[in-house]
Amino acid sequence: MSLLAKNKAKNYTINLVFKLDKSNRGSLANYVRKRESDGEK
């Protein structure tokens, strides 16, 4: 495996994890917000 291909694979994995992390945080924030608004009722 060439160095370039290795870097590409590494960056791809990092981006994938970052994207997943971002969407997870978004849904977690929504969940917490929903719980808080449910508690106010």
C-alpha atoms as a PDB file:
ATOM      1  CA  MET A   1       0.000   0.000   0.000  1.00  0.00           C
ATOM      2  CA  SER A   2       1.408   3.352  -0.994  1.00  0.00           C
ATOM      3  CA  LEU A   3       1.794   6.158   1.492  1.00  0.00           C
ATOM      4  CA  LEU A   4      -0.785   8.234  -0.369  1.00  0.00           C
ATOM      5  CA  ALA A   5      -3.343   5.444  -0.248  1.00  0.00           C
ATOM      6  CA  LYS A   6      -2.635   4.948   3.446  1.00  0.00           C
ATOM      7  CA  ASN A   7      -3.204   8.637   4.168  1.00  0.00           C
ATOM      8  CA  LYS A   8      -6.382   8.601   2.111  1.00  0.00           C
ATOM      9  CA  ALA A   9      -7.739   5.640   4.044  1.00  0.00           C
ATOM     10  CA  LYS A  10      -6.826   7.263   7.349  1.00  0.00           C
ATOM     11  CA  ASN A  11      -8.481  10.560   6.434  1.00  0.00           C
ATOM     12  CA  TYR A  12     -11.553   8.721   5.197  1.00  0.00           C
ATOM     13  CA  THR A  13     -11.876   6.888   8.504  1.00  0.00           C
ATOM     14  CA  ILE A  14     -11.399  10.088  10.500  1.00  0.00           C
ATOM     15  CA  ASN A  15     -14.014  11.896   8.408  1.00  0.00           C
ATOM     16  CA  LEU A  16     -16.419   9.003   8.761  1.00  0.00           C
ATOM     17  CA  VAL A  17     -16.015   8.902  12.543  1.00  0.00           C
ATOM     18  CA  PHE A  18     -16.318  12.685  12.716  1.00  0.00           C
ATOM     19  CA  LYS A  19     -19.524  12.639  10.664  1.00  0.00           C
ATOM     20  CA  LEU A  20     -21.001   9.901  12.816  1.00  0.00           C
ATOM     21  CA  ASP A  21     -19.977  11.740  15.965  1.00  0.00           C
ATOM     22  CA  LYS A  22     -21.565  14.935  14.710  1.00  0.00           C
ATOM     23  CA  SER A  23     -24.871  13.292  13.864  1.00  0.00           C
ATOM     24  CA  ASN A  24     -24.853  11.417  17.169  1.00  0.00           C
ATOM     25  CA  ARG A  25     -24.322  14.631  19.093  1.00  0.00           C
ATOM     26  CA  GLY A  26     -27.161  16.234  17.144  1.00  0.00           C
ATOM     27  CA  SER A  27     -29.618  13.490  17.978  1.00  0.00           C
ATOM     28  CA  LEU A  28     -28.434  13.409  21.579  1.00  0.00           C
ATOM     29  CA  ALA A  29     -29.002  17.163  21.891  1.00  0.00           C
ATOM     30  CA  ASN A  30     -32.462  16.758  20.375  1.00  0.00           C
ATOM     31  CA  TYR A  31     -33.225  13.948  22.792  1.00  0.00           C
ATOM     32  CA  VAL A  32     -32.169  16.026  25.790  1.00  0.00           C
ATOM     33  CA  ARG A  33     -34.131  19.020  24.516  1.00  0.00           C
ATOM     34  CA  LYS A  34     -37.191  16.826  24.068  1.00  0.00           C
ATOM     35  CA  ARG A  35     -36.821  15.423  27.581  1.00  0.00           C
ATOM     36  CA  GLU A  36     -36.542  18.944  29.012  1.00  0.00           C
ATOM     37  CA  SER A  37     -39.583  20.233  27.148  1.00  0.00           C
ATOM     38  CA  ASP A  38     -41.535  17.136  28.200  1.00  0.00           C
ATOM     39  CA  GLY A  39     -40.605  17.844  31.795  1.00  0.00           C
ATOM     40  CA  GLU A  40     -41.939  21.408  31.610  1.00  0.00           C
ATOM     41  CA  LYS A  41     -45.454  20.270  30.689  1.00  0.00           C
END
